[in-house]
Amino acid sequence: MTVLGRGIGVLVSLAAFAAVILLAALTLRRSDLRPRTDDAYLQADVVHMAPDVSGRIIELDVRDNQAVHRGDVLFRIDPVPYRLRVEQAQATVRGLAAKLGVTADQVAAQTSSADTAHRGIASAQAQLRLATSTLARLEPLLPHGYVTAQQVDQARTAKRTAEIALQQAQLQAQSAREAISSTQPVAEELQAAKATLAMAERDLRLTEARSPCDGRITALDIAAGEFAITGKPLFTIIDTEEWYAIGNFRETDLAGIRPGQQAYVYVLQAPQTPVRGIVDSLGGGVAPDEGATFLGLPHVPRSLNWVRIAQRFPVRILLHDPPPALMRIGASAAIVIAR
């Protein structure tokens, strides 16, 4: 091989080496400018549909994997026991309302009697003042013979009678005031009965369960006739009103990612169809591989791993107008963050 040939070979090798370095640099720069990850999946919120009231399901209006809309009837629970409770509560309210009316009439009559007794005190006081004044005029005249002893005795008797009448009037007025009852206890009973009626009416309405969102039924394995228990989920609704992509990005990429940035999601089912979205949030933390406790003490491994691999943190991407046919919870995806 000639010197010229060897020189050309060296130049070609150097050029190839430089191209590799340049390509690696461009790749790293693009990775820094547009963080991406293939460790991603689709996610949506879910609603675990549990009844608010217990009872036998008499009608099931959905099937597994069916699409539903907000407000659609999902199932109905036997309403008869709850309707009877409403009727019972209504009867209690009517009875207490009538009792409150009777009590109000009694209170009015008792108040009128107390007013009458109070006016009797004023009359007795006037009689006592008159009898006292009469006795005071007659007693000085008795020594001079202008009045008889009988007249003075009659005046004294009249005064004592007026004093007794005043005491009786005061006692009657006090008894009349104490006899006045209150409508407050019955009114409070009526208020409690109305609250019970409202709860019974609410339970009756909730025997008909409706979808809280647009979504898709999943994990449905019951049929009409099942006994539903309050708070125990019967099936799940995938909320299809909003879809997300969750991507696990290296911690070294997080500095270049912020909420509101444009992002593109590529679902594995259709990798040539980008789905546009924006960064919704960045994960605040993940469970570490080390640092667990054992018997109340920190666990530190004996071996030391000299190769430190960057931790990955979840980043949530809110998708804009995603294709419904591609949206499935857990579907594999790739995410590219746009700068």
C-alpha atoms as a PDB file:
ATOM      1  CA  MET A   1       0.000   0.000   0.000  1.00  0.00           C
ATOM      2  CA  THR A   2       1.354   3.368  -0.981  1.00  0.00           C
ATOM      3  CA  VAL A   3       1.860   6.272   1.322  1.00  0.00           C
ATOM      4  CA  LEU A   4      -0.962   8.059  -0.454  1.00  0.00           C
ATOM      5  CA  GLY A   5      -3.324   5.183   0.174  1.00  0.00           C
ATOM      6  CA  ARG A   6      -2.438   5.020   3.839  1.00  0.00           C
ATOM      7  CA  GLY A   7      -2.985   8.751   4.130  1.00  0.00           C
ATOM      8  CA  ILE A   8      -6.414   8.525   2.573  1.00  0.00           C
ATOM      9  CA  GLY A   9      -7.332   5.681   4.928  1.00  0.00           C
ATOM     10  CA  VAL A  10      -6.273   7.722   7.915  1.00  0.00           C
ATOM     11  CA  LEU A  11      -8.302  10.701   6.706  1.00  0.00           C
ATOM     12  CA  VAL A  12     -11.375   8.506   6.174  1.00  0.00           C
ATOM     13  CA  SER A  13     -10.999   7.019   9.659  1.00  0.00           C
ATOM     14  CA  LEU A  14     -10.623  10.445  11.201  1.00  0.00           C
ATOM     15  CA  ALA A  15     -13.643  11.713   9.298  1.00  0.00           C
ATOM     16  CA  ALA A  16     -15.728   8.749  10.427  1.00  0.00           C
ATOM     17  CA  PHE A  17     -14.604   9.228  14.019  1.00  0.00           C
ATOM     18  CA  ALA A  18     -15.468  12.931  13.846  1.00  0.00           C
ATOM     19  CA  ALA A  19     -18.878  12.115  12.366  1.00  0.00           C
ATOM     20  CA  VAL A  20     -19.592   9.711  15.228  1.00  0.00           C
ATOM     21  CA  ILE A  21     -18.589  12.347  17.769  1.00  0.00           C
ATOM     22  CA  LEU A  22     -20.694  14.971  16.008  1.00  0.00           C
ATOM     23  CA  LEU A  23     -23.683  12.633  15.821  1.00  0.00           C
ATOM     24  CA  ALA A  24     -23.351  11.809  19.517  1.00  0.00           C
ATOM     25  CA  ALA A  25     -23.124  15.495  20.379  1.00  0.00           C
ATOM     26  CA  LEU A  26     -26.195  16.303  18.297  1.00  0.00           C
ATOM     27  CA  THR A  27     -28.096  13.430  19.918  1.00  0.00           C
ATOM     28  CA  LEU A  28     -27.184  14.616  23.400  1.00  0.00           C
ATOM     29  CA  ARG A  29     -28.099  18.191  22.541  1.00  0.00           C
ATOM     30  CA  ARG A  30     -31.443  17.145  21.160  1.00  0.00           C
ATOM     31  CA  SER A  31     -32.048  15.048  24.241  1.00  0.00           C
ATOM     32  CA  ASP A  32     -31.287  18.065  26.408  1.00  0.00           C
ATOM     33  CA  LEU A  33     -33.475  20.367  24.326  1.00  0.00           C
ATOM     34  CA  ARG A  34     -36.356  17.921  23.954  1.00  0.00           C
ATOM     35  CA  PRO A  35     -36.514  15.488  26.903  1.00  0.00           C
ATOM     36  CA  ARG A  36     -38.246  12.245  25.989  1.00  0.00           C
ATOM     37  CA  THR A  37     -39.051   8.897  27.518  1.00  0.00           C
ATOM     38  CA  ASP A  38     -40.378   5.592  26.296  1.00  0.00           C
ATOM     39  CA  ASP A  39     -41.342   4.619  29.829  1.00  0.00           C
ATOM     40  CA  ALA A  40     -44.860   6.055  29.686  1.00  0.00           C
ATOM     41  CA  TYR A  41     -48.476   4.943  29.753  1.00  0.00           C
ATOM     42  CA  LEU A  42     -51.979   6.384  29.432  1.00  0.00           C
ATOM     43  CA  GLN A  43     -54.011   7.185  32.498  1.00  0.00           C
ATOM     44  CA  ALA A  44     -57.479   8.549  33.342  1.00  0.00           C
ATOM     45  CA  ASP A  45     -59.390   9.162  36.528  1.00  0.00           C
ATOM     46  CA  VAL A  46     -61.741   6.413  37.628  1.00  0.00           C
ATOM     47  CA  VAL A  47     -64.928   6.352  39.689  1.00  0.00           C
ATOM     48  CA  HIS A  48     -65.625   3.268  41.770  1.00  0.00           C
ATOM     49  CA  MET A  49     -69.406   3.234  41.629  1.00  0.00           C
ATOM     50  CA  ALA A  50     -70.784   2.327  45.026  1.00  0.00           C
ATOM     51  CA  PRO A  51     -74.452   2.794  45.983  1.00  0.00           C
ATOM     52  CA  ASP A  52     -75.429   5.426  48.533  1.00  0.00           C
ATOM     53  CA  VAL A  53     -78.184   3.163  49.880  1.00  0.00           C
ATOM     54  CA  SER A  54     -78.435  -0.572  50.381  1.00  0.00           C
ATOM     55  CA  GLY A  55     -80.986  -2.794  48.704  1.00  0.00           C
ATOM     56  CA  ARG A  56     -81.758  -5.295  45.989  1.00  0.00           C
ATOM     57  CA  ILE A  57     -80.826  -4.180  42.453  1.00  0.00           C
ATOM     58  CA  ILE A  58     -84.024  -4.495  40.423  1.00  0.00           C
ATOM     59  CA  GLU A  59     -82.682  -2.962  37.214  1.00  0.00           C
ATOM     60  CA  LEU A  60     -79.160  -2.855  35.736  1.00  0.00           C
ATOM     61  CA  ASP A  61     -79.022  -0.529  32.729  1.00  0.00           C
ATOM     62  CA  VAL A  62     -75.373  -0.947  31.689  1.00  0.00           C
ATOM     63  CA  ARG A  63     -73.023  -3.696  30.582  1.00  0.00           C
ATOM     64  CA  ASP A  64     -69.283  -4.126  30.741  1.00  0.00           C
ATOM     65  CA  ASN A  65     -67.214  -1.817  28.480  1.00  0.00           C
ATOM     66  CA  GLN A  66     -70.283   0.274  27.604  1.00  0.00           C
ATOM     67  CA  ALA A  67     -69.851   4.006  27.038  1.00  0.00           C
ATOM     68  CA  VAL A  68     -72.047   6.175  29.262  1.00  0.00           C
ATOM     69  CA  HIS A  69     -72.740   9.893  29.506  1.00  0.00           C
ATOM     70  CA  ARG A  70     -73.027  12.135  32.518  1.00  0.00           C
ATOM     71  CA  GLY A  71     -76.479  11.692  34.090  1.00  0.00           C
ATOM     72  CA  ASP A  72     -77.294   8.321  32.492  1.00  0.00           C
ATOM     73  CA  VAL A  73     -79.118   5.871  34.767  1.00  0.00           C
ATOM     74  CA  LEU A  74     -76.764   3.033  35.714  1.00  0.00           C
ATOM     75  CA  PHE A  75     -78.887   0.886  38.020  1.00  0.00           C
ATOM     76  CA  ARG A  76     -81.940   1.057  40.273  1.00  0.00           C
ATOM     77  CA  ILE A  77     -82.346  -0.303  43.782  1.00  0.00           C
ATOM     78  CA  ASP A  78     -85.713  -1.494  45.088  1.00  0.00           C
ATOM     79  CA  PRO A  79     -87.404   1.787  46.138  1.00  0.00           C
ATOM     80  CA  VAL A  80     -90.329   0.302  48.126  1.00  0.00           C
ATOM     81  CA  PRO A  81     -88.685   0.355  51.609  1.00  0.00           C
ATOM     82  CA  TYR A  82     -87.449   3.899  51.045  1.00  0.00           C
ATOM     83  CA  ARG A  83     -90.834   5.075  49.761  1.00  0.00           C
ATOM     84  CA  LEU A  84     -92.469   3.680  52.916  1.00  0.00           C
ATOM     85  CA  ARG A  85     -89.945   5.550  55.055  1.00  0.00           C
ATOM     86  CA  VAL A  86     -90.841   8.754  53.227  1.00  0.00           C
ATOM     87  CA  GLU A  87     -94.550   8.170  53.890  1.00  0.00           C
ATOM     88  CA  GLN A  88     -93.823   7.450  57.550  1.00  0.00           C
ATOM     89  CA  ALA A  89     -91.774  10.620  57.883  1.00  0.00           C
ATOM     90  CA  GLN A  90     -94.486  12.643  56.138  1.00  0.00           C
ATOM     91  CA  ALA A  91     -97.093  11.338  58.607  1.00  0.00           C
ATOM     92  CA  THR A  92     -94.844  12.295  61.530  1.00  0.00           C
ATOM     93  CA  VAL A  93     -94.420  15.810  60.141  1.00  0.00           C
ATOM     94  CA  ARG A  94     -98.170  16.213  59.668  1.00  0.00           C
ATOM     95  CA  GLY A  95     -98.869  14.978  63.221  1.00  0.00           C
ATOM     96  CA  LEU A  96     -96.344  17.320  64.791  1.00  0.00           C
ATOM     97  CA  ALA A  97     -97.603  20.238  62.698  1.00  0.00           C
ATOM     98  CA  ALA A  98    -101.119  19.620  64.026  1.00  0.00           C
ATOM     99  CA  LYS A  99     -99.783  19.267  67.565  1.00  0.00           C
ATOM    100  CA  LEU A 100     -97.928  22.551  67.187  1.00  0.00           C
ATOM    101  CA  GLY A 101    -101.173  24.269  66.157  1.00  0.00           C
ATOM    102  CA  VAL A 102    -103.034  22.886  69.186  1.00  0.00           C
ATOM    103  CA  THR A 103    -100.179  23.871  71.490  1.00  0.00           C
ATOM    104  CA  ALA A 104    -100.164  27.378  70.047  1.00  0.00           C
ATOM    105  CA  ASP A 105    -103.912  27.705  70.771  1.00  0.00           C
ATOM    106  CA  GLN A 106    -103.361  26.490  74.335  1.00  0.00           C
ATOM    107  CA  VAL A 107    -100.542  28.952  74.842  1.00  0.00           C
ATOM    108  CA  ALA A 108    -102.758  31.756  73.544  1.00  0.00           C
ATOM    109  CA  ALA A 109    -105.530  30.798  75.981  1.00  0.00           C
ATOM    110  CA  GLN A 110    -103.075  30.531  78.872  1.00  0.00           C
ATOM    111  CA  THR A 111    -101.595  33.901  78.015  1.00  0.00           C
ATOM    112  CA  SER A 112    -105.078  35.453  77.959  1.00  0.00           C
ATOM    113  CA  SER A 113    -105.817  33.961  81.406  1.00  0.00           C
ATOM    114  CA  ALA A 114    -102.546  35.347  82.734  1.00  0.00           C
ATOM    115  CA  ASP A 115    -103.405  38.790  81.380  1.00  0.00           C
ATOM    116  CA  THR A 116    -106.823  38.608  83.039  1.00  0.00           C
ATOM    117  CA  ALA A 117    -105.216  37.563  86.342  1.00  0.00           C
ATOM    118  CA  HIS A 118    -102.752  40.435  86.062  1.00  0.00           C
ATOM    119  CA  ARG A 119    -105.621  42.881  85.599  1.00  0.00           C
ATOM    120  CA  GLY A 120    -107.243  41.342  88.735  1.00  0.00           C
ATOM    121  CA  ILE A 121    -104.167  42.380  90.725  1.00  0.00           C
ATOM    122  CA  ALA A 122    -104.692  45.996  89.686  1.00  0.00           C
ATOM    123  CA  SER A 123    -108.340  45.846  90.728  1.00  0.00           C
ATOM    124  CA  ALA A 124    -107.449  44.282  94.101  1.00  0.00           C
ATOM    125  CA  GLN A 125    -104.776  46.915  94.674  1.00  0.00           C
ATOM    126  CA  ALA A 126    -107.349  49.657  94.003  1.00  0.00           C
ATOM    127  CA  GLN A 127    -109.778  48.071  96.476  1.00  0.00           C
ATOM    128  CA  LEU A 128    -107.043  47.852  99.101  1.00  0.00           C
ATOM    129  CA  ARG A 129    -106.101  51.500  98.630  1.00  0.00           C
ATOM    130  CA  LEU A 130    -109.758  52.519  99.021  1.00  0.00           C
ATOM    131  CA  ALA A 131    -110.225  50.391 102.162  1.00  0.00           C
ATOM    132  CA  THR A 132    -107.000  51.721 103.692  1.00  0.00           C
ATOM    133  CA  SER A 133    -107.978  55.308 102.954  1.00  0.00           C
ATOM    134  CA  THR A 134    -111.461  54.805 104.452  1.00  0.00           C
ATOM    135  CA  LEU A 135    -110.071  53.292 107.658  1.00  0.00           C
ATOM    136  CA  ALA A 136    -107.562  56.127 107.953  1.00  0.00           C
ATOM    137  CA  ARG A 137    -110.393  58.703 107.835  1.00  0.00           C
ATOM    138  CA  LEU A 138    -112.677  56.920 110.320  1.00  0.00           C
ATOM    139  CA  GLU A 139    -110.209  55.997 113.057  1.00  0.00           C
ATOM    140  CA  PRO A 140    -109.447  59.658 114.116  1.00  0.00           C
ATOM    141  CA  LEU A 141    -113.214  60.376 114.332  1.00  0.00           C
ATOM    142  CA  LEU A 142    -113.991  57.514 116.744  1.00  0.00           C
ATOM    143  CA  PRO A 143    -112.705  59.263 119.976  1.00  0.00           C
ATOM    144  CA  HIS A 144    -114.865  62.292 119.245  1.00  0.00           C
ATOM    145  CA  GLY A 145    -118.014  60.215 118.655  1.00  0.00           C
ATOM    146  CA  TYR A 146    -118.400  61.270 115.065  1.00  0.00           C
ATOM    147  CA  VAL A 147    -118.465  57.586 113.963  1.00  0.00           C
ATOM    148  CA  THR A 148    -119.447  54.440 115.749  1.00  0.00           C
ATOM    149  CA  ALA A 149    -117.136  51.614 116.711  1.00  0.00           C
ATOM    150  CA  GLN A 150    -119.113  49.369 114.370  1.00  0.00           C
ATOM    151  CA  GLN A 151    -118.277  51.601 111.409  1.00  0.00           C
ATOM    152  CA  VAL A 152    -114.567  51.458 112.271  1.00  0.00           C
ATOM    153  CA  ASP A 153    -114.721  47.684 112.644  1.00  0.00           C
ATOM    154  CA  GLN A 154    -116.391  47.413 109.258  1.00  0.00           C
ATOM    155  CA  ALA A 155    -113.652  49.572 107.709  1.00  0.00           C
ATOM    156  CA  ARG A 156    -110.975  47.398 109.306  1.00  0.00           C
ATOM    157  CA  THR A 157    -112.694  44.252 108.040  1.00  0.00           C
ATOM    158  CA  ALA A 158    -112.944  45.746 104.553  1.00  0.00           C
ATOM    159  CA  LYS A 159    -109.191  46.486 104.601  1.00  0.00           C
ATOM    160  CA  ARG A 160    -108.319  42.929 105.692  1.00  0.00           C
ATOM    161  CA  THR A 161    -110.652  41.557 103.018  1.00  0.00           C
ATOM    162  CA  ALA A 162    -108.949  43.739 100.369  1.00  0.00           C
ATOM    163  CA  GLU A 163    -105.507  42.533 101.534  1.00  0.00           C
ATOM    164  CA  ILE A 164    -106.593  38.903 101.244  1.00  0.00           C
ATOM    165  CA  ALA A 165    -108.147  39.571  97.830  1.00  0.00           C
ATOM    166  CA  LEU A 166    -104.862  41.147  96.642  1.00  0.00           C
ATOM    167  CA  GLN A 167    -102.844  38.145  97.843  1.00  0.00           C
ATOM    168  CA  GLN A 168    -105.235  35.789  96.074  1.00  0.00           C
ATOM    169  CA  ALA A 169    -105.051  37.832  92.871  1.00  0.00           C
ATOM    170  CA  GLN A 170    -101.242  37.778  92.991  1.00  0.00           C
ATOM    171  CA  LEU A 171    -101.210  34.009  93.541  1.00  0.00           C
ATOM    172  CA  GLN A 172    -103.645  33.503  90.671  1.00  0.00           C
ATOM    173  CA  ALA A 173    -101.534  35.681  88.380  1.00  0.00           C
ATOM    174  CA  GLN A 174     -98.382  33.779  89.312  1.00  0.00           C
ATOM    175  CA  SER A 175    -100.097  30.439  88.737  1.00  0.00           C
ATOM    176  CA  ALA A 176    -101.416  31.657  85.391  1.00  0.00           C
ATOM    177  CA  ARG A 177     -97.946  32.773  84.291  1.00  0.00           C
ATOM    178  CA  GLU A 178     -96.420  29.461  85.371  1.00  0.00           C
ATOM    179  CA  ALA A 179     -99.150  27.579  83.519  1.00  0.00           C
ATOM    180  CA  ILE A 180     -98.206  29.156  80.216  1.00  0.00           C
ATOM    181  CA  SER A 181     -96.524  26.405  78.196  1.00  0.00           C
ATOM    182  CA  SER A 182     -94.152  26.874  75.247  1.00  0.00           C
ATOM    183  CA  THR A 183     -94.401  25.839  71.629  1.00  0.00           C
ATOM    184  CA  GLN A 184     -90.605  25.541  71.418  1.00  0.00           C
ATOM    185  CA  PRO A 185     -90.323  21.818  72.296  1.00  0.00           C
ATOM    186  CA  VAL A 186     -92.976  20.864  69.733  1.00  0.00           C
ATOM    187  CA  ALA A 187     -91.411  23.189  67.167  1.00  0.00           C
ATOM    188  CA  GLU A 188     -88.035  21.505  67.661  1.00  0.00           C
ATOM    189  CA  GLU A 189     -89.628  18.071  67.295  1.00  0.00           C
ATOM    190  CA  LEU A 190     -91.236  19.247  64.067  1.00  0.00           C
ATOM    191  CA  GLN A 191     -87.871  20.538  62.788  1.00  0.00           C
ATOM    192  CA  ALA A 192     -86.239  17.180  63.543  1.00  0.00           C
ATOM    193  CA  ALA A 193     -89.081  15.367  61.792  1.00  0.00           C
ATOM    194  CA  LYS A 194     -88.650  17.567  58.706  1.00  0.00           C
ATOM    195  CA  ALA A 195     -84.925  16.725  58.654  1.00  0.00           C
ATOM    196  CA  THR A 196     -85.788  13.027  58.877  1.00  0.00           C
ATOM    197  CA  LEU A 197     -88.219  13.456  55.992  1.00  0.00           C
ATOM    198  CA  ALA A 198     -85.544  15.208  53.908  1.00  0.00           C
ATOM    199  CA  MET A 199     -83.112  12.339  54.540  1.00  0.00           C
ATOM    200  CA  ALA A 200     -85.782   9.781  53.620  1.00  0.00           C
ATOM    201  CA  GLU A 201     -86.553  11.659  50.385  1.00  0.00           C
ATOM    202  CA  ARG A 202     -82.826  11.832  49.599  1.00  0.00           C
ATOM    203  CA  ASP A 203     -82.428   8.080  50.121  1.00  0.00           C
ATOM    204  CA  LEU A 204     -85.409   7.449  47.847  1.00  0.00           C
ATOM    205  CA  ARG A 205     -83.844   9.573  45.099  1.00  0.00           C
ATOM    206  CA  LEU A 206     -80.526   7.747  45.480  1.00  0.00           C
ATOM    207  CA  THR A 207     -82.119   4.377  44.741  1.00  0.00           C
ATOM    208  CA  GLU A 208     -81.611   5.494  41.138  1.00  0.00           C
ATOM    209  CA  ALA A 209     -77.852   5.719  40.495  1.00  0.00           C
ATOM    210  CA  ARG A 210     -76.656   7.978  37.680  1.00  0.00           C
ATOM    211  CA  SER A 211     -73.290   8.381  36.017  1.00  0.00           C
ATOM    212  CA  PRO A 212     -71.236  11.269  37.473  1.00  0.00           C
ATOM    213  CA  CYS A 213     -69.262  11.750  34.245  1.00  0.00           C
ATOM    214  CA  ASP A 214     -68.811  10.698  30.647  1.00  0.00           C
ATOM    215  CA  GLY A 215     -66.974   7.418  30.736  1.00  0.00           C
ATOM    216  CA  ARG A 216     -66.763   3.733  30.069  1.00  0.00           C
ATOM    217  CA  ILE A 217     -67.952   0.911  32.299  1.00  0.00           C
ATOM    218  CA  THR A 218     -65.371  -1.654  33.345  1.00  0.00           C
ATOM    219  CA  ALA A 219     -65.022  -4.483  35.850  1.00  0.00           C
ATOM    220  CA  LEU A 220     -68.774  -5.169  35.776  1.00  0.00           C
ATOM    221  CA  ASP A 221     -69.510  -8.726  36.899  1.00  0.00           C
ATOM    222  CA  ILE A 222     -72.947  -8.479  38.552  1.00  0.00           C
ATOM    223  CA  ALA A 223     -76.515  -8.773  37.330  1.00  0.00           C
ATOM    224  CA  ALA A 224     -79.924  -7.559  38.431  1.00  0.00           C
ATOM    225  CA  GLY A 225     -80.893  -9.250  41.668  1.00  0.00           C
ATOM    226  CA  GLU A 226     -77.574  -8.557  43.391  1.00  0.00           C
ATOM    227  CA  PHE A 227     -77.902  -7.052  46.854  1.00  0.00           C
ATOM    228  CA  ALA A 228     -76.035  -3.753  46.895  1.00  0.00           C
ATOM    229  CA  ILE A 229     -74.403  -2.537  50.097  1.00  0.00           C
ATOM    230  CA  THR A 230     -73.818   1.126  50.841  1.00  0.00           C
ATOM    231  CA  GLY A 231     -70.249   2.135  50.035  1.00  0.00           C
ATOM    232  CA  LYS A 232     -69.258  -1.192  48.418  1.00  0.00           C
ATOM    233  CA  PRO A 233     -68.223  -0.652  44.747  1.00  0.00           C
ATOM    234  CA  LEU A 234     -70.189  -2.595  42.154  1.00  0.00           C
ATOM    235  CA  PHE A 235     -68.103  -1.625  39.110  1.00  0.00           C
ATOM    236  CA  THR A 236     -65.784   1.098  37.845  1.00  0.00           C
ATOM    237  CA  ILE A 237     -66.278   4.005  35.450  1.00  0.00           C
ATOM    238  CA  ILE A 238     -63.271   5.271  33.514  1.00  0.00           C
ATOM    239  CA  ASP A 239     -63.679   9.051  33.301  1.00  0.00           C
ATOM    240  CA  THR A 240     -63.101   9.754  29.602  1.00  0.00           C
ATOM    241  CA  GLU A 241     -63.597  13.514  29.907  1.00  0.00           C
ATOM    242  CA  GLU A 242     -59.857  13.956  30.510  1.00  0.00           C
ATOM    243  CA  TRP A 243     -56.936  11.716  29.573  1.00  0.00           C
ATOM    244  CA  TYR A 244     -53.351  11.853  30.758  1.00  0.00           C
ATOM    245  CA  ALA A 245     -50.040  10.314  29.846  1.00  0.00           C
ATOM    246  CA  ILE A 246     -47.716   9.496  32.732  1.00  0.00           C
ATOM    247  CA  GLY A 247     -44.041   9.401  31.756  1.00  0.00           C
ATOM    248  CA  ASN A 248     -41.120   8.518  33.992  1.00  0.00           C
ATOM    249  CA  PHE A 249     -38.326  11.000  33.203  1.00  0.00           C
ATOM    250  CA  ARG A 250     -34.751  10.926  34.477  1.00  0.00           C
ATOM    251  CA  GLU A 251     -34.109  13.348  37.301  1.00  0.00           C
ATOM    252  CA  THR A 252     -31.482  15.012  35.124  1.00  0.00           C
ATOM    253  CA  ASP A 253     -34.249  15.949  32.652  1.00  0.00           C
ATOM    254  CA  LEU A 254     -36.562  17.536  35.199  1.00  0.00           C
ATOM    255  CA  ALA A 255     -34.768  20.890  35.145  1.00  0.00           C
ATOM    256  CA  GLY A 256     -35.889  21.318  31.535  1.00  0.00           C
ATOM    257  CA  ILE A 257     -39.537  20.422  32.195  1.00  0.00           C
ATOM    258  CA  ARG A 258     -42.112  22.785  33.653  1.00  0.00           C
ATOM    259  CA  PRO A 259     -45.945  22.872  33.819  1.00  0.00           C
ATOM    260  CA  GLY A 260     -47.543  24.357  30.718  1.00  0.00           C
ATOM    261  CA  GLN A 261     -44.915  23.131  28.247  1.00  0.00           C
ATOM    262  CA  GLN A 262     -46.108  21.558  25.023  1.00  0.00           C
ATOM    263  CA  ALA A 263     -45.683  17.807  24.781  1.00  0.00           C
ATOM    264  CA  TYR A 264     -46.345  15.094  22.235  1.00  0.00           C
ATOM    265  CA  VAL A 265     -47.464  11.615  23.141  1.00  0.00           C
ATOM    266  CA  TYR A 266     -47.056   8.629  20.822  1.00  0.00           C
ATOM    267  CA  VAL A 267     -49.243   5.663  21.703  1.00  0.00           C
ATOM    268  CA  LEU A 268     -47.692   2.282  20.877  1.00  0.00           C
ATOM    269  CA  GLN A 269     -50.886   1.238  19.094  1.00  0.00           C
ATOM    270  CA  ALA A 270     -50.412   4.076  16.572  1.00  0.00           C
ATOM    271  CA  PRO A 271     -46.810   5.324  16.882  1.00  0.00           C
ATOM    272  CA  GLN A 272     -47.124   7.557  13.814  1.00  0.00           C
ATOM    273  CA  THR A 273     -49.998   9.579  15.319  1.00  0.00           C
ATOM    274  CA  PRO A 274     -48.793  12.262  17.750  1.00  0.00           C
ATOM    275  CA  VAL A 275     -51.263  13.335  20.425  1.00  0.00           C
ATOM    276  CA  ARG A 276     -50.730  16.897  21.595  1.00  0.00           C
ATOM    277  CA  GLY A 277     -50.778  17.807  25.263  1.00  0.00           C
ATOM    278  CA  ILE A 278     -49.247  20.034  27.927  1.00  0.00           C
ATOM    279  CA  VAL A 279     -47.255  19.254  31.042  1.00  0.00           C
ATOM    280  CA  ASP A 280     -49.742  19.198  33.889  1.00  0.00           C
ATOM    281  CA  SER A 281     -47.471  18.451  36.844  1.00  0.00           C
ATOM    282  CA  LEU A 282     -44.208  16.874  37.934  1.00  0.00           C
ATOM    283  CA  GLY A 283     -44.067  14.110  40.482  1.00  0.00           C
ATOM    284  CA  GLY A 284     -42.987  15.188  43.934  1.00  0.00           C
ATOM    285  CA  GLY A 285     -41.199  11.970  44.842  1.00  0.00           C
ATOM    286  CA  VAL A 286     -40.838   8.210  44.492  1.00  0.00           C
ATOM    287  CA  ALA A 287     -40.054   5.471  46.972  1.00  0.00           C
ATOM    288  CA  PRO A 288     -36.276   4.930  47.208  1.00  0.00           C
ATOM    289  CA  ASP A 289     -34.736   1.495  46.713  1.00  0.00           C
ATOM    290  CA  GLU A 290     -32.808   1.954  49.947  1.00  0.00           C
ATOM    291  CA  GLY A 291     -33.482   3.643  53.221  1.00  0.00           C
ATOM    292  CA  ALA A 292     -36.079   1.217  54.557  1.00  0.00           C
ATOM    293  CA  THR A 293     -36.191   0.479  58.288  1.00  0.00           C
ATOM    294  CA  PHE A 294     -35.885  -2.873  60.003  1.00  0.00           C
ATOM    295  CA  LEU A 295     -36.869  -3.280  63.656  1.00  0.00           C
ATOM    296  CA  GLY A 296     -36.934   0.504  63.959  1.00  0.00           C
ATOM    297  CA  LEU A 297     -33.407   0.942  62.563  1.00  0.00           C
ATOM    298  CA  PRO A 298     -32.365   2.187  59.098  1.00  0.00           C
ATOM    299  CA  HIS A 299     -31.332  -0.559  56.709  1.00  0.00           C
ATOM    300  CA  VAL A 300     -28.014   0.148  54.944  1.00  0.00           C
ATOM    301  CA  PRO A 301     -26.750  -2.479  52.450  1.00  0.00           C
ATOM    302  CA  ARG A 302     -23.203  -3.816  52.901  1.00  0.00           C
ATOM    303  CA  SER A 303     -22.350  -3.588  49.210  1.00  0.00           C
ATOM    304  CA  LEU A 304     -21.731  -0.296  47.439  1.00  0.00           C
ATOM    305  CA  ASN A 305     -22.890   0.174  43.878  1.00  0.00           C
ATOM    306  CA  TRP A 306     -20.303   2.284  42.088  1.00  0.00           C
ATOM    307  CA  VAL A 307     -22.598   2.854  39.114  1.00  0.00           C
ATOM    308  CA  ARG A 308     -25.182   5.492  40.008  1.00  0.00           C
ATOM    309  CA  ILE A 309     -28.273   5.306  37.798  1.00  0.00           C
ATOM    310  CA  ALA A 310     -30.413   8.423  37.553  1.00  0.00           C
ATOM    311  CA  GLN A 311     -33.747   8.098  39.360  1.00  0.00           C
ATOM    312  CA  ARG A 312     -36.915   8.529  37.343  1.00  0.00           C
ATOM    313  CA  PHE A 313     -39.851  10.681  38.392  1.00  0.00           C
ATOM    314  CA  PRO A 314     -43.385  10.662  36.941  1.00  0.00           C
ATOM    315  CA  VAL A 315     -44.493  13.620  34.824  1.00  0.00           C
ATOM    316  CA  ARG A 316     -48.200  14.010  34.057  1.00  0.00           C
ATOM    317  CA  ILE A 317     -49.214  15.200  30.583  1.00  0.00           C
ATOM    318  CA  LEU A 318     -52.776  16.440  30.018  1.00  0.00           C
ATOM    319  CA  LEU A 319     -53.867  15.388  26.519  1.00  0.00           C
ATOM    320  CA  HIS A 320     -55.801  17.701  24.166  1.00  0.00           C
ATOM    321  CA  ASP A 321     -58.542  16.097  22.050  1.00  0.00           C
ATOM    322  CA  PRO A 322     -57.048  12.593  22.166  1.00  0.00           C
ATOM    323  CA  PRO A 323     -58.373  10.020  19.645  1.00  0.00           C
ATOM    324  CA  PRO A 324     -60.965   7.982  21.591  1.00  0.00           C
ATOM    325  CA  ALA A 325     -59.983   4.783  19.795  1.00  0.00           C
ATOM    326  CA  LEU A 326     -56.440   4.986  21.196  1.00  0.00           C
ATOM    327  CA  MET A 327     -57.347   5.847  24.774  1.00  0.00           C
ATOM    328  CA  ARG A 328     -57.008   2.924  27.176  1.00  0.00           C
ATOM    329  CA  ILE A 329     -55.726   3.032  30.711  1.00  0.00           C
ATOM    330  CA  GLY A 330     -52.267   1.505  30.911  1.00  0.00           C
ATOM    331  CA  ALA A 331     -51.564   1.637  27.173  1.00  0.00           C
ATOM    332  CA  SER A 332     -47.835   1.999  26.410  1.00  0.00           C
ATOM    333  CA  ALA A 333     -46.667   5.354  25.078  1.00  0.00           C
ATOM    334  CA  ALA A 334     -43.680   7.585  24.491  1.00  0.00           C
ATOM    335  CA  ILE A 335     -43.511  11.265  25.454  1.00  0.00           C
ATOM    336  CA  VAL A 336     -41.482  14.067  23.902  1.00  0.00           C
ATOM    337  CA  ILE A 337     -41.358  17.449  25.641  1.00  0.00           C
ATOM    338  CA  ALA A 338     -41.218  20.399  23.233  1.00  0.00           C
ATOM    339  CA  ARG A 339     -39.174  23.483  24.084  1.00  0.00           C
END
